[in-house]
Amino acid sequence: MLNILVFVLIAVTLVLLSIFVDGLIELNRQEQEDKKQFVRDGLEGYMDQTFGIGRFKVFKTLLDSEGNIRYLVYLPKYEWLKAPTYHWYEVYEAHTGYRHNAYER
């Protein structure tokens, strides 16, 4: 009798554990999809549209003399079995919208 009770408890525990893990996996997948659908406004949104979501890295945030925010960003470019090369840009807000300038080394 005790063996049957232990067997049933183990079976119920495994079923509940599998339901819990399945829920965690589904929640993680939903969070990943929500990150892809997230649209940012302003300067960050311009950088997402121009360079691609998550492709750029913000190196430095600058304030100019007028109090506007400027970002110094870089895009790593990877080639097979080579060190990455970086493309540098300054992204800022102008009167007609947002702009970016490429920097050469």
PDB file of N, CA and C in Angstrom:
ATOM      1  N   MET A   1       0.819  -1.192   0.000  1.00  0.00           N
ATOM      2  CA  MET A   1       0.000   0.000   0.000  1.00  0.00           C
ATOM      3  C   MET A   1       0.864   1.258   0.000  1.00  0.00           C
ATOM      4  N   LEU A   2       1.916   1.233   0.810  1.00  0.00           N
ATOM      5  CA  LEU A   2       2.814   2.381   0.879  1.00  0.00           C
ATOM      6  C   LEU A   2       3.560   2.565  -0.443  1.00  0.00           C
ATOM      7  N   ASN A   3       3.889   1.450  -1.100  1.00  0.00           N
ATOM      8  CA  ASN A   3       4.584   1.539  -2.386  1.00  0.00           C
ATOM      9  C   ASN A   3       3.708   2.202  -3.446  1.00  0.00           C
ATOM     10  N   ILE A   4       2.438   1.892  -3.451  1.00  0.00           N
ATOM     11  CA  ILE A   4       1.509   2.496  -4.410  1.00  0.00           C
ATOM     12  C   ILE A   4       1.364   3.985  -4.140  1.00  0.00           C
ATOM     13  N   LEU A   5       1.273   4.375  -2.880  1.00  0.00           N
ATOM     14  CA  LEU A   5       1.159   5.788  -2.513  1.00  0.00           C
ATOM     15  C   LEU A   5       2.404   6.565  -2.949  1.00  0.00           C
ATOM     16  N   VAL A   6       3.572   6.011  -2.730  1.00  0.00           N
ATOM     17  CA  VAL A   6       4.822   6.669  -3.140  1.00  0.00           C
ATOM     18  C   VAL A   6       4.880   6.781  -4.660  1.00  0.00           C
ATOM     19  N   PHE A   7       4.479   5.733  -5.371  1.00  0.00           N
ATOM     20  CA  PHE A   7       4.476   5.763  -6.827  1.00  0.00           C
ATOM     21  C   PHE A   7       3.535   6.845  -7.354  1.00  0.00           C
ATOM     22  N   VAL A   8       2.342   6.961  -6.776  1.00  0.00           N
ATOM     23  CA  VAL A   8       1.373   7.978  -7.199  1.00  0.00           C
ATOM     24  C   VAL A   8       1.908   9.374  -6.901  1.00  0.00           C
ATOM     25  N   LEU A   9       2.511   9.577  -5.737  1.00  0.00           N
ATOM     26  CA  LEU A   9       3.054  10.892  -5.396  1.00  0.00           C
ATOM     27  C   LEU A   9       4.197  11.291  -6.330  1.00  0.00           C
ATOM     28  N   ILE A  10       5.045  10.346  -6.683  1.00  0.00           N
ATOM     29  CA  ILE A  10       6.135  10.645  -7.613  1.00  0.00           C
ATOM     30  C   ILE A  10       5.578  10.993  -8.990  1.00  0.00           C
ATOM     31  N   ALA A  11       4.569  10.257  -9.444  1.00  0.00           N
ATOM     32  CA  ALA A  11       3.965  10.530 -10.749  1.00  0.00           C
ATOM     33  C   ALA A  11       3.318  11.910 -10.772  1.00  0.00           C
ATOM     34  N   VAL A  12       2.579  12.254  -9.712  1.00  0.00           N
ATOM     35  CA  VAL A  12       1.933  13.567  -9.637  1.00  0.00           C
ATOM     36  C   VAL A  12       2.987  14.672  -9.598  1.00  0.00           C
ATOM     37  N   THR A  13       4.062  14.460  -8.855  1.00  0.00           N
ATOM     38  CA  THR A  13       5.131  15.453  -8.768  1.00  0.00           C
ATOM     39  C   THR A  13       5.780  15.684 -10.128  1.00  0.00           C
ATOM     40  N   LEU A  14       6.027  14.620 -10.869  1.00  0.00           N
ATOM     41  CA  LEU A  14       6.634  14.766 -12.191  1.00  0.00           C
ATOM     42  C   LEU A  14       5.709  15.493 -13.165  1.00  0.00           C
ATOM     43  N   VAL A  15       4.411  15.213 -13.093  1.00  0.00           N
ATOM     44  CA  VAL A  15       3.455  15.901 -13.964  1.00  0.00           C
ATOM     45  C   VAL A  15       3.413  17.385 -13.628  1.00  0.00           C
ATOM     46  N   LEU A  16       3.347  17.722 -12.349  1.00  0.00           N
ATOM     47  CA  LEU A  16       3.319  19.132 -11.953  1.00  0.00           C
ATOM     48  C   LEU A  16       4.618  19.844 -12.324  1.00  0.00           C
ATOM     49  N   LEU A  17       5.737  19.171 -12.179  1.00  0.00           N
ATOM     50  CA  LEU A  17       7.021  19.753 -12.553  1.00  0.00           C
ATOM     51  C   LEU A  17       7.093  20.001 -14.058  1.00  0.00           C
ATOM     52  N   SER A  18       6.577  19.081 -14.858  1.00  0.00           N
ATOM     53  CA  SER A  18       6.594  19.277 -16.310  1.00  0.00           C
ATOM     54  C   SER A  18       5.682  20.432 -16.722  1.00  0.00           C
ATOM     55  N   ILE A  19       4.547  20.595 -16.054  1.00  0.00           N
ATOM     56  CA  ILE A  19       3.656  21.724 -16.337  1.00  0.00           C
ATOM     57  C   ILE A  19       4.347  23.036 -15.985  1.00  0.00           C
ATOM     58  N   PHE A  20       5.048  23.074 -14.862  1.00  0.00           N
ATOM     59  CA  PHE A  20       5.760  24.271 -14.434  1.00  0.00           C
ATOM     60  C   PHE A  20       6.868  24.639 -15.422  1.00  0.00           C
ATOM     61  N   VAL A  21       7.655  23.663 -15.849  1.00  0.00           N
ATOM     62  CA  VAL A  21       8.749  23.924 -16.790  1.00  0.00           C
ATOM     63  C   VAL A  21       8.194  24.366 -18.138  1.00  0.00           C
ATOM     64  N   ASP A  22       7.105  23.762 -18.582  1.00  0.00           N
ATOM     65  CA  ASP A  22       6.475  24.159 -19.836  1.00  0.00           C
ATOM     66  C   ASP A  22       5.997  25.606 -19.759  1.00  0.00           C
ATOM     67  N   GLY A  23       5.436  26.001 -18.635  1.00  0.00           N
ATOM     68  CA  GLY A  23       5.014  27.388 -18.447  1.00  0.00           C
ATOM     69  C   GLY A  23       6.183  28.354 -18.467  1.00  0.00           C
ATOM     70  N   LEU A  24       7.303  27.974 -17.866  1.00  0.00           N
ATOM     71  CA  LEU A  24       8.489  28.831 -17.884  1.00  0.00           C
ATOM     72  C   LEU A  24       9.035  29.005 -19.300  1.00  0.00           C
ATOM     73  N   ILE A  25       9.055  27.930 -20.060  1.00  0.00           N
ATOM     74  CA  ILE A  25       9.540  28.008 -21.436  1.00  0.00           C
ATOM     75  C   ILE A  25       8.625  28.895 -22.271  1.00  0.00           C
ATOM     76  N   GLU A  26       7.331  28.758 -22.099  1.00  0.00           N
ATOM     77  CA  GLU A  26       6.371  29.590 -22.831  1.00  0.00           C
ATOM     78  C   GLU A  26       6.517  31.065 -22.448  1.00  0.00           C
ATOM     79  N   LEU A  27       6.711  31.345 -21.173  1.00  0.00           N
ATOM     80  CA  LEU A  27       6.896  32.721 -20.711  1.00  0.00           C
ATOM     81  C   LEU A  27       8.175  33.320 -21.292  1.00  0.00           C
ATOM     82  N   ASN A  28       9.243  32.558 -21.335  1.00  0.00           N
ATOM     83  CA  ASN A  28      10.497  33.043 -21.911  1.00  0.00           C
ATOM     84  C   ASN A  28      10.342  33.331 -23.400  1.00  0.00           C
ATOM     85  N   ARG A  29       9.647  32.462 -24.109  1.00  0.00           N
ATOM     86  CA  ARG A  29       9.419  32.680 -25.538  1.00  0.00           C
ATOM     87  C   ARG A  29       8.584  33.932 -25.776  1.00  0.00           C
ATOM     88  N   GLN A  30       7.576  34.149 -24.937  1.00  0.00           N
ATOM     89  CA  GLN A  30       6.729  35.334 -25.066  1.00  0.00           C
ATOM     90  C   GLN A  30       7.526  36.608 -24.789  1.00  0.00           C
ATOM     91  N   GLU A  31       8.410  36.583 -23.800  1.00  0.00           N
ATOM     92  CA  GLU A  31       9.242  37.751 -23.509  1.00  0.00           C
ATOM     93  C   GLU A  31      10.185  38.059 -24.663  1.00  0.00           C
ATOM     94  N   GLN A  32      10.726  37.044 -25.306  1.00  0.00           N
ATOM     95  CA  GLN A  32      11.612  37.260 -26.450  1.00  0.00           C
ATOM     96  C   GLN A  32      10.846  37.887 -27.614  1.00  0.00           C
ATOM     97  N   GLU A  33       9.612  37.453 -27.860  1.00  0.00           N
ATOM     98  CA  GLU A  33       8.803  38.044 -28.918  1.00  0.00           C
ATOM     99  C   GLU A  33       8.426  39.475 -28.588  1.00  0.00           C
ATOM    100  N   ASP A  34       8.144  39.762 -27.323  1.00  0.00           N
ATOM    101  CA  ASP A  34       7.810  41.126 -26.921  1.00  0.00           C
ATOM    102  C   ASP A  34       8.992  42.066 -27.102  1.00  0.00           C
ATOM    103  N   LYS A  35      10.204  41.576 -26.869  1.00  0.00           N
ATOM    104  CA  LYS A  35      11.392  42.404 -27.089  1.00  0.00           C
ATOM    105  C   LYS A  35      11.534  42.769 -28.563  1.00  0.00           C
ATOM    106  N   LYS A  36      11.206  41.836 -29.451  1.00  0.00           N
ATOM    107  CA  LYS A  36      11.323  42.107 -30.879  1.00  0.00           C
ATOM    108  C   LYS A  36      10.266  43.104 -31.342  1.00  0.00           C
ATOM    109  N   GLN A  37       9.098  43.094 -30.727  1.00  0.00           N
ATOM    110  CA  GLN A  37       8.007  43.962 -31.135  1.00  0.00           C
ATOM    111  C   GLN A  37       8.053  45.335 -30.487  1.00  0.00           C
ATOM    112  N   PHE A  38       8.969  45.519 -29.541  1.00  0.00           N
ATOM    113  CA  PHE A  38       9.053  46.770 -28.805  1.00  0.00           C
ATOM    114  C   PHE A  38       9.584  47.866 -29.722  1.00  0.00           C
ATOM    115  N   VAL A  39       8.860  48.969 -29.828  1.00  0.00           N
ATOM    116  CA  VAL A  39       9.260  50.087 -30.674  1.00  0.00           C
ATOM    117  C   VAL A  39       9.616  51.253 -29.770  1.00  0.00           C
ATOM    118  N   ARG A  40      10.812  51.776 -29.966  1.00  0.00           N
ATOM    119  CA  ARG A  40      11.242  52.909 -29.161  1.00  0.00           C
ATOM    120  C   ARG A  40      11.026  54.195 -29.939  1.00  0.00           C
ATOM    121  N   ASP A  41      10.791  55.264 -29.223  1.00  0.00           N
ATOM    122  CA  ASP A  41      10.585  56.570 -29.835  1.00  0.00           C
ATOM    123  C   ASP A  41      11.846  57.403 -29.705  1.00  0.00           C
ATOM    124  N   GLY A  42      11.886  58.495 -30.442  1.00  0.00           N
ATOM    125  CA  GLY A  42      12.966  59.452 -30.298  1.00  0.00           C
ATOM    126  C   GLY A  42      14.257  58.983 -30.947  1.00  0.00           C
ATOM    127  N   LEU A  43      15.346  59.387 -30.326  1.00  0.00           N
ATOM    128  CA  LEU A  43      16.675  59.106 -30.859  1.00  0.00           C
ATOM    129  C   LEU A  43      16.983  57.615 -30.878  1.00  0.00           C
ATOM    130  N   GLU A  44      16.544  56.891 -29.838  1.00  0.00           N
ATOM    131  CA  GLU A  44      16.766  55.445 -29.806  1.00  0.00           C
ATOM    132  C   GLU A  44      15.997  54.746 -30.924  1.00  0.00           C
ATOM    133  N   GLY A  45      14.781  55.210 -31.210  1.00  0.00           N
ATOM    134  CA  GLY A  45      13.998  54.646 -32.305  1.00  0.00           C
ATOM    135  C   GLY A  45      14.635  54.900 -33.659  1.00  0.00           C
ATOM    136  N   TYR A  46      15.213  56.093 -33.818  1.00  0.00           N
ATOM    137  CA  TYR A  46      15.924  56.396 -35.065  1.00  0.00           C
ATOM    138  C   TYR A  46      17.109  55.453 -35.258  1.00  0.00           C
ATOM    139  N   MET A  47      17.850  55.203 -34.173  1.00  0.00           N
ATOM    140  CA  MET A  47      18.993  54.293 -34.278  1.00  0.00           C
ATOM    141  C   MET A  47      18.536  52.872 -34.579  1.00  0.00           C
ATOM    142  N   ASP A  48      17.399  52.447 -34.004  1.00  0.00           N
ATOM    143  CA  ASP A  48      16.866  51.116 -34.307  1.00  0.00           C
ATOM    144  C   ASP A  48      16.496  50.995 -35.780  1.00  0.00           C
ATOM    145  N   GLN A  49      15.871  52.047 -36.329  1.00  0.00           N
ATOM    146  CA  GLN A  49      15.464  52.007 -37.731  1.00  0.00           C
ATOM    147  C   GLN A  49      16.662  52.079 -38.667  1.00  0.00           C
ATOM    148  N   THR A  50      17.667  52.869 -38.304  1.00  0.00           N
ATOM    149  CA  THR A  50      18.811  53.075 -39.185  1.00  0.00           C
ATOM    150  C   THR A  50      19.782  51.904 -39.158  1.00  0.00           C
ATOM    151  N   PHE A  51      20.155  51.468 -37.973  1.00  0.00           N
ATOM    152  CA  PHE A  51      21.201  50.460 -37.833  1.00  0.00           C
ATOM    153  C   PHE A  51      20.658  49.061 -37.565  1.00  0.00           C
ATOM    154  N   GLY A  52      19.415  48.945 -37.178  1.00  0.00           N
ATOM    155  CA  GLY A  52      18.844  47.647 -36.831  1.00  0.00           C
ATOM    156  C   GLY A  52      18.755  47.494 -35.322  1.00  0.00           C
ATOM    157  N   ILE A  53      17.755  46.783 -34.867  1.00  0.00           N
ATOM    158  CA  ILE A  53      17.515  46.628 -33.435  1.00  0.00           C
ATOM    159  C   ILE A  53      18.609  45.764 -32.834  1.00  0.00           C
ATOM    160  N   GLY A  54      19.314  46.319 -31.878  1.00  0.00           N
ATOM    161  CA  GLY A  54      20.323  45.571 -31.150  1.00  0.00           C
ATOM    162  C   GLY A  54      21.643  45.386 -31.868  1.00  0.00           C
ATOM    163  N   ARG A  55      21.811  45.945 -33.066  1.00  0.00           N
ATOM    164  CA  ARG A  55      23.073  45.771 -33.791  1.00  0.00           C
ATOM    165  C   ARG A  55      24.127  46.770 -33.354  1.00  0.00           C
ATOM    166  N   PHE A  56      23.718  47.928 -32.875  1.00  0.00           N
ATOM    167  CA  PHE A  56      24.671  48.970 -32.513  1.00  0.00           C
ATOM    168  C   PHE A  56      24.958  48.927 -31.019  1.00  0.00           C
ATOM    169  N   LYS A  57      26.095  49.459 -30.652  1.00  0.00           N
ATOM    170  CA  LYS A  57      26.484  49.580 -29.247  1.00  0.00           C
ATOM    171  C   LYS A  57      26.736  51.052 -28.964  1.00  0.00           C
ATOM    172  N   VAL A  58      26.135  51.574 -27.908  1.00  0.00           N
ATOM    173  CA  VAL A  58      26.358  52.964 -27.522  1.00  0.00           C
ATOM    174  C   VAL A  58      27.675  53.032 -26.765  1.00  0.00           C
ATOM    175  N   PHE A  59      28.621  53.799 -27.324  1.00  0.00           N
ATOM    176  CA  PHE A  59      29.931  53.927 -26.694  1.00  0.00           C
ATOM    177  C   PHE A  59      29.927  55.056 -25.672  1.00  0.00           C
ATOM    178  N   LYS A  60      29.336  56.192 -26.050  1.00  0.00           N
ATOM    179  CA  LYS A  60      29.358  57.339 -25.154  1.00  0.00           C
ATOM    180  C   LYS A  60      28.140  58.212 -25.420  1.00  0.00           C
ATOM    181  N   THR A  61      27.612  58.811 -24.360  1.00  0.00           N
ATOM    182  CA  THR A  61      26.527  59.776 -24.463  1.00  0.00           C
ATOM    183  C   THR A  61      27.115  61.157 -24.223  1.00  0.00           C
ATOM    184  N   LEU A  62      26.865  62.070 -25.148  1.00  0.00           N
ATOM    185  CA  LEU A  62      27.444  63.408 -25.079  1.00  0.00           C
ATOM    186  C   LEU A  62      26.343  64.449 -24.994  1.00  0.00           C
ATOM    187  N   LEU A  63      26.629  65.555 -24.340  1.00  0.00           N
ATOM    188  CA  LEU A  63      25.751  66.721 -24.335  1.00  0.00           C
ATOM    189  C   LEU A  63      26.466  67.840 -25.073  1.00  0.00           C
ATOM    190  N   ASP A  64      25.797  68.426 -26.085  1.00  0.00           N
ATOM    191  CA  ASP A  64      26.437  69.532 -26.785  1.00  0.00           C
ATOM    192  C   ASP A  64      26.146  70.845 -26.069  1.00  0.00           C
ATOM    193  N   SER A  65      26.600  71.955 -26.650  1.00  0.00           N
ATOM    194  CA  SER A  65      26.477  73.252 -25.983  1.00  0.00           C
ATOM    195  C   SER A  65      25.032  73.719 -25.876  1.00  0.00           C
ATOM    196  N   GLU A  66      24.147  73.206 -26.720  1.00  0.00           N
ATOM    197  CA  GLU A  66      22.737  73.590 -26.682  1.00  0.00           C
ATOM    198  C   GLU A  66      21.912  72.689 -25.775  1.00  0.00           C
ATOM    199  N   GLY A  67      22.531  71.698 -25.163  1.00  0.00           N
ATOM    200  CA  GLY A  67      21.832  70.796 -24.259  1.00  0.00           C
ATOM    201  C   GLY A  67      21.213  69.587 -24.929  1.00  0.00           C
ATOM    202  N   ASN A  68      21.524  69.377 -26.197  1.00  0.00           N
ATOM    203  CA  ASN A  68      20.996  68.215 -26.915  1.00  0.00           C
ATOM    204  C   ASN A  68      21.859  66.992 -26.632  1.00  0.00           C
ATOM    205  N   ILE A  69      21.234  65.842 -26.659  1.00  0.00           N
ATOM    206  CA  ILE A  69      21.946  64.588 -26.418  1.00  0.00           C
ATOM    207  C   ILE A  69      22.476  64.053 -27.744  1.00  0.00           C
ATOM    208  N   ARG A  70      23.729  63.660 -27.730  1.00  0.00           N
ATOM    209  CA  ARG A  70      24.367  63.014 -28.880  1.00  0.00           C
ATOM    210  C   ARG A  70      24.913  61.675 -28.414  1.00  0.00           C
ATOM    211  N   TYR A  71      24.818  60.687 -29.281  1.00  0.00           N
ATOM    212  CA  TYR A  71      25.355  59.367 -28.973  1.00  0.00           C
ATOM    213  C   TYR A  71      26.507  59.063 -29.918  1.00  0.00           C
ATOM    214  N   LEU A  72      27.570  58.527 -29.373  1.00  0.00           N
ATOM    215  CA  LEU A  72      28.658  57.990 -30.173  1.00  0.00           C
ATOM    216  C   LEU A  72      28.478  56.475 -30.156  1.00  0.00           C
ATOM    217  N   VAL A  73      28.113  55.918 -31.316  1.00  0.00           N
ATOM    218  CA  VAL A  73      27.787  54.493 -31.400  1.00  0.00           C
ATOM    219  C   VAL A  73      28.732  53.810 -32.379  1.00  0.00           C
ATOM    220  N   TYR A  74      28.851  52.504 -32.235  1.00  0.00           N
ATOM    221  CA  TYR A  74      29.640  51.726 -33.188  1.00  0.00           C
ATOM    222  C   TYR A  74      28.899  50.454 -33.546  1.00  0.00           C
ATOM    223  N   LEU A  75      29.180  50.013 -34.766  1.00  0.00           N
ATOM    224  CA  LEU A  75      28.618  48.767 -35.282  1.00  0.00           C
ATOM    225  C   LEU A  75      29.759  47.780 -35.476  1.00  0.00           C
ATOM    226  N   PRO A  76      29.778  46.694 -34.739  1.00  0.00           N
ATOM    227  CA  PRO A  76      30.810  45.690 -34.997  1.00  0.00           C
ATOM    228  C   PRO A  76      30.451  44.881 -36.244  1.00  0.00           C
ATOM    229  N   LYS A  77      31.438  44.665 -37.077  1.00  0.00           N
ATOM    230  CA  LYS A  77      31.240  43.860 -38.282  1.00  0.00           C
ATOM    231  C   LYS A  77      32.180  42.668 -38.190  1.00  0.00           C
ATOM    232  N   TYR A  78      31.604  41.489 -38.146  1.00  0.00           N
ATOM    233  CA  TYR A  78      32.387  40.269 -37.964  1.00  0.00           C
ATOM    234  C   TYR A  78      32.576  39.560 -39.294  1.00  0.00           C
ATOM    235  N   GLU A  79      33.797  39.143 -39.552  1.00  0.00           N
ATOM    236  CA  GLU A  79      34.092  38.288 -40.691  1.00  0.00           C
ATOM    237  C   GLU A  79      34.652  36.983 -40.160  1.00  0.00           C
ATOM    238  N   TRP A  80      34.510  35.960 -40.951  1.00  0.00           N
ATOM    239  CA  TRP A  80      34.879  34.630 -40.511  1.00  0.00           C
ATOM    240  C   TRP A  80      36.367  34.558 -40.213  1.00  0.00           C
ATOM    241  N   LEU A  81      36.730  34.150 -38.997  1.00  0.00           N
ATOM    242  CA  LEU A  81      38.104  33.961 -38.530  1.00  0.00           C
ATOM    243  C   LEU A  81      38.949  35.230 -38.601  1.00  0.00           C
ATOM    244  N   LYS A  82      38.323  36.390 -38.486  1.00  0.00           N
ATOM    245  CA  LYS A  82      39.056  37.653 -38.456  1.00  0.00           C
ATOM    246  C   LYS A  82      38.584  38.461 -37.256  1.00  0.00           C
ATOM    247  N   ALA A  83      39.421  39.389 -36.836  1.00  0.00           N
ATOM    248  CA  ALA A  83      39.032  40.288 -35.749  1.00  0.00           C
ATOM    249  C   ALA A  83      37.929  41.219 -36.254  1.00  0.00           C
ATOM    250  N   PRO A  84      37.006  41.609 -35.401  1.00  0.00           N
ATOM    251  CA  PRO A  84      35.917  42.477 -35.858  1.00  0.00           C
ATOM    252  C   PRO A  84      36.430  43.868 -36.227  1.00  0.00           C
ATOM    253  N   THR A  85      35.791  44.453 -37.226  1.00  0.00           N
ATOM    254  CA  THR A  85      36.046  45.844 -37.579  1.00  0.00           C
ATOM    255  C   THR A  85      34.854  46.655 -37.100  1.00  0.00           C
ATOM    256  N   TYR A  86      35.093  47.897 -36.756  1.00  0.00           N
ATOM    257  CA  TYR A  86      34.049  48.732 -36.172  1.00  0.00           C
ATOM    258  C   TYR A  86      33.797  49.938 -37.059  1.00  0.00           C
ATOM    259  N   HIS A  87      32.533  50.272 -37.235  1.00  0.00           N
ATOM    260  CA  HIS A  87      32.113  51.468 -37.945  1.00  0.00           C
ATOM    261  C   HIS A  87      31.523  52.417 -36.906  1.00  0.00           C
ATOM    262  N   TRP A  88      32.079  53.618 -36.815  1.00  0.00           N
ATOM    263  CA  TRP A  88      31.682  54.576 -35.784  1.00  0.00           C
ATOM    264  C   TRP A  88      30.749  55.624 -36.371  1.00  0.00           C
ATOM    265  N   TYR A  89      29.733  56.010 -35.587  1.00  0.00           N
ATOM    266  CA  TYR A  89      28.766  57.018 -36.000  1.00  0.00           C
ATOM    267  C   TYR A  89      28.454  57.933 -34.821  1.00  0.00           C
ATOM    268  N   GLU A  90      28.164  59.192 -35.159  1.00  0.00           N
ATOM    269  CA  GLU A  90      27.634  60.125 -34.166  1.00  0.00           C
ATOM    270  C   GLU A  90      26.179  60.372 -34.540  1.00  0.00           C
ATOM    271  N   VAL A  91      25.275  60.114 -33.627  1.00  0.00           N
ATOM    272  CA  VAL A  91      23.844  60.250 -33.873  1.00  0.00           C
ATOM    273  C   VAL A  91      23.342  61.419 -33.039  1.00  0.00           C
ATOM    274  N   TYR A  92      22.608  62.345 -33.689  1.00  0.00           N
ATOM    275  CA  TYR A  92      22.157  63.544 -32.985  1.00  0.00           C
ATOM    276  C   TYR A  92      20.830  64.013 -33.558  1.00  0.00           C
ATOM    277  N   GLU A  93      20.204  64.942 -32.851  1.00  0.00           N
ATOM    278  CA  GLU A  93      18.932  65.511 -33.286  1.00  0.00           C
ATOM    279  C   GLU A  93      19.193  66.851 -33.951  1.00  0.00           C
ATOM    280  N   ALA A  94      18.643  67.054 -35.139  1.00  0.00           N
ATOM    281  CA  ALA A  94      18.749  68.317 -35.864  1.00  0.00           C
ATOM    282  C   ALA A  94      17.360  68.945 -35.926  1.00  0.00           C
ATOM    283  N   HIS A  95      17.275  70.113 -36.551  1.00  0.00           N
ATOM    284  CA  HIS A  95      15.981  70.798 -36.652  1.00  0.00           C
ATOM    285  C   HIS A  95      15.007  70.041 -37.543  1.00  0.00           C
ATOM    286  N   THR A  96      15.527  69.315 -38.524  1.00  0.00           N
ATOM    287  CA  THR A  96      14.666  68.600 -39.468  1.00  0.00           C
ATOM    288  C   THR A  96      14.477  67.137 -39.109  1.00  0.00           C
ATOM    289  N   GLY A  97      14.944  66.721 -37.967  1.00  0.00           N
ATOM    290  CA  GLY A  97      14.808  65.324 -37.558  1.00  0.00           C
ATOM    291  C   GLY A  97      16.115  64.825 -36.969  1.00  0.00           C
ATOM    292  N   TYR A  98      16.335  63.554 -37.085  1.00  0.00           N
ATOM    293  CA  TYR A  98      17.545  62.945 -36.538  1.00  0.00           C
ATOM    294  C   TYR A  98      18.537  62.680 -37.660  1.00  0.00           C
ATOM    295  N   ARG A  99      19.810  62.799 -37.332  1.00  0.00           N
ATOM    296  CA  ARG A  99      20.871  62.601 -38.319  1.00  0.00           C
ATOM    297  C   ARG A  99      21.990  61.764 -37.712  1.00  0.00           C
ATOM    298  N   HIS A 100      22.824  61.225 -38.590  1.00  0.00           N
ATOM    299  CA  HIS A 100      24.025  60.528 -38.131  1.00  0.00           C
ATOM    300  C   HIS A 100      25.173  60.824 -39.086  1.00  0.00           C
ATOM    301  N   ASN A 101      26.364  60.921 -38.526  1.00  0.00           N
ATOM    302  CA  ASN A 101      27.588  61.140 -39.292  1.00  0.00           C
ATOM    303  C   ASN A 101      28.510  59.958 -39.070  1.00  0.00           C
ATOM    304  N   ALA A 102      29.112  59.500 -40.151  1.00  0.00           N
ATOM    305  CA  ALA A 102      30.077  58.404 -40.041  1.00  0.00           C
ATOM    306  C   ALA A 102      31.457  58.986 -39.764  1.00  0.00           C
ATOM    307  N   TYR A 103      32.225  58.301 -38.934  1.00  0.00           N
ATOM    308  CA  TYR A 103      33.593  58.710 -38.626  1.00  0.00           C
ATOM    309  C   TYR A 103      34.559  57.749 -39.283  1.00  0.00           C
ATOM    310  N   GLU A 104      35.614  58.315 -39.846  1.00  0.00           N
ATOM    311  CA  GLU A 104      36.695  57.518 -40.419  1.00  0.00           C
ATOM    312  C   GLU A 104      37.876  57.575 -39.475  1.00  0.00           C
ATOM    313  N   ARG A 105      38.598  56.471 -39.398  1.00  0.00           N
ATOM    314  CA  ARG A 105      39.791  56.485 -38.547  1.00  0.00           C
ATOM    315  C   ARG A 105      40.986  56.951 -39.324  1.00  0.00           C
TER     316      ARG A 105
END
